[in-house]
Protein backbone atom coordinates (compact mmCIF):
# COMPACT_ATOMS: atom_id res chain seq x y z
CA MET A 1 101.42 -50.69 108.18
CA THR A 2 102.98 -50.80 111.66
CA PRO A 3 106.15 -52.91 111.88
CA ALA A 4 106.32 -55.48 114.68
CA GLN A 5 109.00 -54.85 117.26
CA ASP A 6 108.72 -57.94 119.41
CA GLY A 7 107.94 -61.60 118.98
CA GLU A 8 109.62 -64.45 117.20
CA VAL A 9 109.20 -64.65 113.44
CA LEU A 10 108.08 -68.17 112.58
CA SER A 11 109.84 -70.21 109.90
CA ILE A 12 107.71 -72.86 108.19
CA ASP A 13 109.12 -75.20 105.52
CA ARG A 14 107.01 -77.23 103.10
CA PHE A 15 107.39 -79.24 99.92
CA VAL A 16 104.58 -78.28 97.54
CA PRO A 17 103.40 -80.98 95.07
CA HIS A 18 104.03 -80.11 91.43
CA VAL A 19 103.80 -82.08 88.18
CA SER A 20 107.13 -81.35 86.54
CA THR A 21 107.41 -79.83 83.08
CA VAL A 22 111.21 -80.18 83.17
CA HIS A 23 112.20 -82.66 80.45
CA ALA A 24 114.55 -84.64 82.73
CA ASN A 25 111.66 -85.62 85.03
CA LEU A 26 108.71 -84.71 82.81
CA GLY A 27 105.30 -85.65 84.21
CA GLN A 28 106.66 -86.77 87.57
CA SER A 29 105.13 -85.50 90.80
CA VAL A 30 107.87 -83.62 92.66
CA GLY A 31 108.04 -81.48 95.79
CA LEU A 32 109.13 -77.85 95.40
CA PHE A 33 110.73 -76.47 98.55
CA LEU A 34 108.80 -73.51 99.99
CA ARG A 35 109.69 -71.46 103.08
CA GLU A 36 107.38 -69.04 104.87
CA ARG A 37 108.42 -66.41 107.42
CA THR A 38 105.53 -64.88 109.36
CA LEU A 39 104.58 -63.51 112.74
CA PRO A 40 102.39 -65.77 114.87
CA GLY A 41 98.65 -65.11 115.09
CA GLN A 42 96.41 -62.95 112.93
CA PRO A 43 96.72 -59.19 112.49
CA ASP A 44 94.17 -56.88 114.10
CA GLY A 45 90.70 -57.58 112.75
CA GLY A 46 91.66 -61.08 111.59
CA THR A 47 92.17 -60.04 107.97
CA ALA A 48 94.81 -61.72 105.87
CA ARG A 49 98.22 -60.12 105.78
CA PRO A 50 99.53 -59.07 102.37
CA VAL A 51 101.65 -61.81 100.84
CA ILE A 52 105.09 -61.59 99.22
CA LEU A 53 106.70 -64.32 97.12
CA MET A 54 110.44 -63.80 96.62
CA LEU A 55 111.97 -65.36 93.49
CA HIS A 56 115.69 -66.13 93.54
CA GLY A 57 118.32 -65.57 90.87
CA GLY A 58 120.49 -67.78 88.74
CA PHE A 59 122.93 -69.13 91.32
CA ALA A 60 121.89 -68.38 94.93
CA PRO A 61 118.89 -70.54 95.93
CA SER A 62 115.92 -69.15 97.80
CA ILE A 63 116.85 -69.41 101.47
CA VAL A 64 120.42 -68.20 100.92
CA ALA A 65 119.27 -65.25 98.81
CA TYR A 66 116.47 -64.12 101.09
CA ASP A 67 116.74 -65.73 104.53
CA LEU A 68 120.44 -65.60 105.40
CA ARG A 69 120.77 -66.27 109.13
CA HIS A 70 123.54 -63.78 109.78
CA GLY A 71 123.08 -60.55 111.69
CA ASP A 72 120.18 -58.54 110.26
CA TYR A 73 120.58 -59.92 106.74
CA SER A 74 117.36 -61.95 106.50
CA TYR A 75 115.28 -60.01 103.99
CA MET A 76 112.36 -62.35 104.70
CA GLU A 77 112.44 -61.76 108.43
CA ARG A 78 112.57 -58.01 108.01
CA MET A 79 109.49 -58.07 105.76
CA ALA A 80 107.66 -60.40 108.13
CA ARG A 81 108.25 -57.89 110.93
CA ALA A 82 106.89 -55.20 108.62
CA GLY A 83 103.56 -57.07 108.55
CA PHE A 84 103.75 -59.34 105.50
CA ASP A 85 103.49 -63.08 105.12
CA VAL A 86 106.70 -63.79 103.21
CA PHE A 87 107.40 -66.85 101.07
CA THR A 88 110.29 -68.03 98.92
CA PHE A 89 110.81 -71.26 97.01
CA SER A 90 113.60 -72.99 95.15
CA HIS A 91 113.14 -73.84 91.50
CA THR A 92 114.10 -77.23 90.09
CA GLY A 93 117.89 -77.46 90.07
CA TYR A 94 118.34 -75.48 93.29
CA ALA A 95 118.51 -76.94 96.78
CA PRO A 96 116.46 -78.12 98.55
CA SER A 97 114.14 -78.73 95.54
CA PRO A 98 114.79 -81.66 93.13
CA ARG A 99 118.00 -81.57 91.10
CA PRO A 100 117.47 -84.23 88.41
CA ARG A 101 120.62 -85.43 86.60
CA MET A 102 122.78 -82.94 88.52
CA ASP A 103 124.49 -85.31 90.98
CA ASP A 104 126.47 -87.06 88.25
CA PRO A 105 129.68 -85.02 87.71
CA VAL A 106 129.87 -85.94 84.01
CA ASN A 107 126.66 -83.94 83.56
CA VAL A 108 128.53 -80.74 84.35
CA ASP A 109 128.87 -78.47 81.31
CA ALA A 110 132.19 -79.04 79.54
CA SER A 111 133.38 -75.48 80.22
CA PHE A 112 133.28 -76.14 83.97
CA GLN A 113 134.60 -79.71 84.18
CA GLN A 114 138.18 -78.52 84.79
CA HIS A 115 137.08 -77.58 88.32
CA LEU A 116 136.40 -81.29 89.01
CA VAL A 117 139.57 -82.85 87.51
CA PRO A 118 141.23 -84.92 88.89
CA HIS A 119 139.73 -84.99 92.41
CA VAL A 120 136.14 -85.78 91.28
CA MET A 121 136.62 -86.91 87.64
CA ALA A 122 139.64 -88.54 86.02
CA GLY A 123 139.28 -86.30 82.99
CA PRO A 124 136.73 -84.54 80.75
CA HIS A 125 133.69 -86.63 79.93
CA ALA A 126 130.67 -86.25 77.65
CA PRO A 127 127.40 -85.80 79.57
CA ARG A 128 125.22 -88.84 80.07
CA TYR A 129 122.21 -86.52 79.81
CA PRO A 130 123.22 -84.22 76.91
CA PHE A 131 120.67 -81.45 77.40
CA LYS A 132 120.20 -78.24 79.34
CA LEU A 133 117.94 -78.75 82.33
CA VAL A 134 115.28 -76.07 82.86
CA SER A 135 113.60 -73.31 80.86
CA SER A 136 111.75 -70.06 81.37
CA ARG A 137 108.55 -71.97 80.64
CA SER A 138 109.18 -74.72 83.22
CA GLU A 139 110.02 -72.05 85.81
CA TRP A 140 106.85 -70.05 85.10
CA ASP A 141 104.92 -73.32 85.54
CA GLU A 142 106.58 -73.82 88.93
CA ILE A 143 105.78 -70.27 90.02
CA ASP A 144 102.14 -70.82 89.07
CA THR A 145 101.94 -73.93 91.24
CA ILE A 146 103.44 -72.04 94.17
CA VAL A 147 101.29 -68.93 93.69
CA ASP A 148 98.10 -71.01 93.56
CA PHE A 149 99.18 -72.89 96.70
CA ILE A 150 99.81 -69.62 98.57
CA ARG A 151 96.57 -68.03 97.38
CA GLU A 152 94.59 -70.95 98.74
CA LEU A 153 96.67 -71.23 101.91
CA ARG A 154 96.34 -67.55 102.81
CA GLY A 155 92.96 -66.79 101.22
CA VAL A 156 94.25 -64.00 98.98
CA ASP A 157 93.54 -63.24 95.33
CA ARG A 158 96.89 -61.67 94.49
CA VAL A 159 100.48 -62.18 95.57
CA HIS A 160 103.18 -59.49 95.43
CA LEU A 161 106.40 -60.62 93.73
CA VAL A 162 110.03 -59.72 94.46
CA GLY A 163 112.71 -60.75 91.98
CA TRP A 164 116.49 -60.40 92.22
CA SER A 165 118.78 -60.87 89.21
CA THR A 166 117.37 -63.72 87.08
CA GLY A 167 114.47 -63.70 89.51
CA ALA A 168 113.37 -60.48 87.79
CA PRO A 169 112.56 -62.12 84.42
CA ARG A 170 111.06 -65.04 86.32
CA ALA A 171 108.76 -62.66 88.22
CA GLY A 172 108.15 -60.33 85.29
CA GLY A 173 107.42 -63.15 82.88
CA TYR A 174 104.97 -64.69 85.31
CA ALA A 175 103.26 -61.33 85.91
CA ALA A 176 102.85 -60.89 82.15
CA LEU A 177 101.27 -64.34 81.83
CA HIS A 178 99.03 -64.18 84.93
CA PRO A 179 98.14 -60.54 85.64
CA GLY A 180 95.10 -61.49 87.73
CA LYS A 181 97.23 -63.32 90.30
CA VAL A 182 99.90 -60.64 90.83
CA GLY A 183 99.64 -57.52 92.95
CA ARG A 184 102.78 -55.38 92.72
CA LEU A 185 106.32 -56.10 91.54
CA LEU A 186 109.64 -55.11 93.07
CA LEU A 187 112.60 -56.02 90.84
CA TYR A 188 116.21 -55.30 91.80
CA GLY A 189 119.51 -56.04 90.11
CA PRO A 190 117.44 -57.25 87.14
CA SER A 191 118.99 -59.60 84.62
CA GLN A 192 120.16 -58.14 81.36
CA PHE A 193 118.40 -59.30 78.22
CA PHE A 194 118.75 -62.95 77.26
CA GLU A 195 120.35 -64.04 74.01
CA ARG A 196 116.97 -65.01 72.57
CA GLU A 197 113.37 -63.93 72.80
CA ASP A 198 111.79 -67.01 71.23
CA LEU A 199 111.71 -70.63 72.27
CA PRO A 200 114.83 -72.60 71.32
CA ALA A 201 114.55 -74.46 68.02
CA SER A 202 114.59 -77.75 69.93
CA MET A 203 113.44 -78.42 73.46
CA PRO A 204 115.35 -79.39 75.43
CA GLU A 205 118.41 -77.72 73.95
CA PRO A 206 121.59 -79.78 73.58
CA GLY A 207 124.11 -79.14 76.33
CA ALA A 208 124.53 -80.39 79.89
CA PRO A 209 122.37 -79.99 83.00
CA THR A 210 124.81 -78.40 85.46
CA LEU A 211 126.79 -75.17 85.74
CA LEU A 212 129.34 -74.35 88.47
CA GLN A 213 130.77 -71.29 90.21
CA THR A 214 133.81 -71.38 92.46
CA ARG A 215 134.02 -69.51 95.72
CA GLU A 216 136.75 -67.28 94.29
CA PHE A 217 134.74 -66.39 91.19
CA LEU A 218 131.52 -65.63 93.07
CA LEU A 219 132.89 -63.78 96.10
CA ASP A 220 135.77 -61.97 94.42
CA ARG A 221 135.03 -61.40 90.73
CA ARG A 222 131.24 -61.12 90.97
CA TRP A 223 131.01 -59.40 94.35
CA ARG A 224 134.09 -57.92 96.02
CA ASP A 225 135.47 -56.54 92.75
CA HIS A 226 132.33 -54.35 92.65
CA VAL A 227 132.77 -52.96 96.16
CA HIS A 228 134.10 -49.44 95.60
CA ASP A 229 133.01 -47.35 98.57
CA ALA A 230 134.07 -47.36 102.20
CA GLY A 231 131.20 -48.88 104.17
CA GLN A 232 129.53 -50.45 101.15
CA LEU A 233 130.08 -53.78 102.90
CA ASP A 234 129.30 -52.71 106.46
CA ASP A 235 129.95 -56.29 107.62
CA PRO A 236 132.52 -57.98 105.34
CA SER A 237 131.95 -61.31 107.11
CA VAL A 238 128.59 -61.58 105.33
CA CYS A 239 130.43 -62.81 102.22
CA ASP A 240 131.76 -65.85 104.08
CA ALA A 241 128.37 -66.41 105.73
CA PHE A 242 126.75 -66.41 102.29
CA TRP A 243 129.15 -69.09 101.04
CA ARG A 244 128.79 -71.22 104.19
CA GLU A 245 125.03 -71.31 103.78
CA LEU A 246 125.35 -72.25 100.11
CA MET A 247 127.53 -75.21 101.03
CA ALA A 248 125.37 -76.20 104.01
CA ILE A 249 122.36 -76.90 101.78
CA ASP A 250 124.32 -78.69 99.04
CA GLU A 251 126.31 -81.62 100.41
CA ILE A 252 127.44 -82.74 96.95
CA GLY A 253 128.62 -79.29 95.88
CA ALA A 254 130.42 -78.93 99.21
CA GLY A 255 132.34 -82.11 98.40
CA TRP A 256 133.20 -81.26 94.80
CA GLY A 257 135.30 -78.16 95.40
CA ARG A 258 139.06 -78.05 95.72
CA GLU A 259 140.78 -77.63 99.09
CA GLY A 260 137.56 -78.24 100.99
CA LEU A 261 136.01 -74.96 99.81
CA GLY A 262 133.13 -76.53 97.92
CA ILE A 263 131.61 -75.33 94.66
CA MET A 264 128.23 -73.87 93.77
CA ARG A 265 125.96 -75.89 91.48
CA ALA A 266 123.12 -74.45 89.40
CA PRO A 267 121.00 -75.73 86.51
CA ASN A 268 121.83 -74.90 82.93
CA ARG A 269 118.84 -72.87 81.74
CA MET A 270 117.05 -72.21 78.47
CA ASN A 271 116.09 -68.56 79.00
CA PHE A 272 113.86 -66.60 76.67
CA GLY A 273 111.18 -63.94 76.51
CA TRP A 274 112.47 -61.30 78.97
CA LYS A 275 112.12 -58.32 76.61
CA ALA A 276 108.71 -59.50 75.40
CA SER A 277 107.50 -59.92 78.98
CA LEU A 278 108.51 -56.37 79.90
CA ALA A 279 106.16 -55.01 77.25
CA LYS A 280 103.20 -56.90 78.75
CA ILE A 281 103.56 -56.31 82.51
CA ALA A 282 100.49 -54.56 83.93
CA ALA A 283 101.41 -54.68 87.63
CA PRO A 284 102.80 -51.53 89.31
CA THR A 285 106.56 -52.09 89.22
CA LEU A 286 109.45 -50.63 91.22
CA TYR A 287 112.97 -51.13 89.79
CA LEU A 288 116.09 -50.78 91.94
CA LEU A 289 119.55 -50.96 90.39
CA GLY A 290 122.88 -50.44 92.13
CA GLU A 291 125.35 -48.04 90.54
CA HIS A 292 128.09 -50.73 90.65
CA ASP A 293 125.86 -53.46 89.17
CA ASN A 294 126.85 -53.64 85.48
CA TYR A 295 124.57 -50.65 85.14
CA ALA A 296 124.85 -50.02 81.40
CA ARG A 297 123.67 -53.55 80.54
CA ARG A 298 120.97 -54.00 83.17
CA ILE A 299 119.31 -50.62 82.63
CA GLU A 300 118.08 -51.80 79.22
CA SER A 301 115.29 -53.78 80.84
CA TRP A 302 113.95 -50.68 82.60
CA HIS A 303 113.61 -48.86 79.29
CA ALA A 304 111.67 -51.82 77.85
CA LEU A 305 109.21 -51.93 80.75
CA ALA A 306 105.76 -50.72 79.69
CA ALA A 307 103.85 -51.05 82.98
CA PRO A 308 101.28 -48.24 83.41
CA GLN A 309 102.76 -47.42 86.83
CA ARG A 310 106.52 -47.79 87.09
CA MET A 311 109.25 -46.24 89.19
CA PHE A 312 113.03 -46.55 88.93
CA VAL A 313 115.68 -45.86 91.58
CA ARG A 314 119.42 -45.87 90.95
CA VAL A 315 120.96 -46.81 94.30
CA ALA A 316 124.31 -45.25 95.19
CA GLY A 317 127.14 -47.29 96.67
CA CYS A 318 125.96 -50.84 96.06
CA SER A 319 126.60 -53.80 93.78
CA HIS A 320 124.51 -56.69 92.49
CA PHE A 321 124.38 -58.03 96.07
CA MET A 322 122.27 -55.19 97.43
CA GLN A 323 120.54 -57.19 100.16
CA PHE A 324 123.92 -58.03 101.75
CA GLU A 325 125.36 -54.51 101.72
CA ARG A 326 124.67 -51.24 103.48
CA ALA A 327 121.99 -50.50 100.87
CA ARG A 328 119.85 -53.34 102.25
CA HIS A 329 118.16 -50.85 104.57
CA LEU A 330 116.90 -48.86 101.57
CA LEU A 331 115.79 -52.12 99.94
CA TYR A 332 113.83 -53.09 103.08
CA ARG A 333 112.10 -49.71 103.19
CA ALA A 334 111.35 -49.72 99.47
CA THR A 335 109.83 -53.19 99.68
CA ALA A 336 107.60 -52.40 102.65
CA GLU A 337 106.36 -49.11 101.21
CA TRP A 338 105.89 -50.16 97.59
CA LEU A 339 104.16 -53.44 98.33
CA SER A 340 101.93 -51.82 100.94
CA ASP A 341 100.91 -48.62 99.15
CA GLY A 342 102.36 -48.57 95.63
CA ALA A 343 104.65 -45.68 96.53
CA PHE A 344 108.20 -45.17 97.80
CA MET A 345 109.14 -42.06 99.78
CA GLY A 346 105.93 -40.47 98.53
CA HIS A 347 106.64 -41.14 94.84
CA ARG A 348 104.54 -43.43 92.65
CA ASP A 349 106.35 -43.17 89.32
CA GLY A 350 109.34 -41.58 87.62
CA THR A 351 113.11 -42.02 87.78
CA TYR A 352 115.25 -41.16 90.78
CA ALA A 353 118.68 -41.53 92.31
CA ALA A 354 119.13 -42.54 95.95
CA ASP A 355 122.24 -41.23 97.67
CA THR A 356 124.16 -43.16 100.34
CA GLN A 357 121.86 -41.68 102.99
CA GLY A 358 118.78 -42.94 101.15
CA ALA A 359 117.39 -39.59 99.98
CA LEU A 360 115.70 -39.57 96.56
CA VAL A 361 116.32 -36.94 93.90
CA PRO A 362 114.88 -36.91 90.34
CA ALA A 363 117.36 -38.24 87.81
CA ALA A 364 117.60 -39.69 84.35
CA ALA A 365 117.85 -43.48 84.19
């Protein structure tokens, strides 16, 4: 596949109709936010371009995770220039998709309400909607709606999936359920195993709809504390750009934080079935995991993966935020090669380590 060098990459936003299976708005017709990045016109011969759907993680919504408008940090744009039609969407609970019950501050989980007292709430308060918001099942239902929409829109049978963090069990679980609709998988910074494999005893589970993360916790404890190498963050300003974009798409969260810094809002989830899904994935799967990304916990999911074709790469000098660090260039190359040909640097399976220059050497995972 020949990457495009010139021409503007189009950005097309839609809201895709979906009948919600989230308990808080069960049975309602909602619009799921979907963004496409693509080059104008048809490729040579008029055939459809291969299609990628990128699935976001637990806190950063779709367009912040994958289409950050800062320097060369738009993963979507880079893949569009490589010759793909690239899509991402936001699940329920993440902007700009619906966020039922999340705008009421008393519906924040009790363990996070201290971040809202006293400037938003006078004091701790029991939730008016005393349940967690979304589940693995409701998210797989949303992915299916989006995948079917894209398949019809682009005239393709299969869609390639990319998943980061919690997006990995979202993508992997969907691939296990709908093998005929999925081409190849690329999973990076995959979530560690969930606390349960089975459905909760009651659905929805008791709790509260909304979780929070402060700017300090996300940028320092979850990100900068895992920057160990000179040059790992080749543009440190990307951290602030990431936070600005989070706040720009969430007016309420931007107003809830202390000292005008804003706070990140995400849905409280009922996660299950990650380990079971890994045993059922049939799609060729490439795993990338940064050496500074809670490696010992996240590597467990690789060992549980039973896909007939699978390849693992341990990436030197990067954290959980691979697409915003120097290692993004390896991620871009891996995505283009794997989703085009089912190979990366000439390898189709096995376990490898990538050094800071991007060279692969065989290694134990």
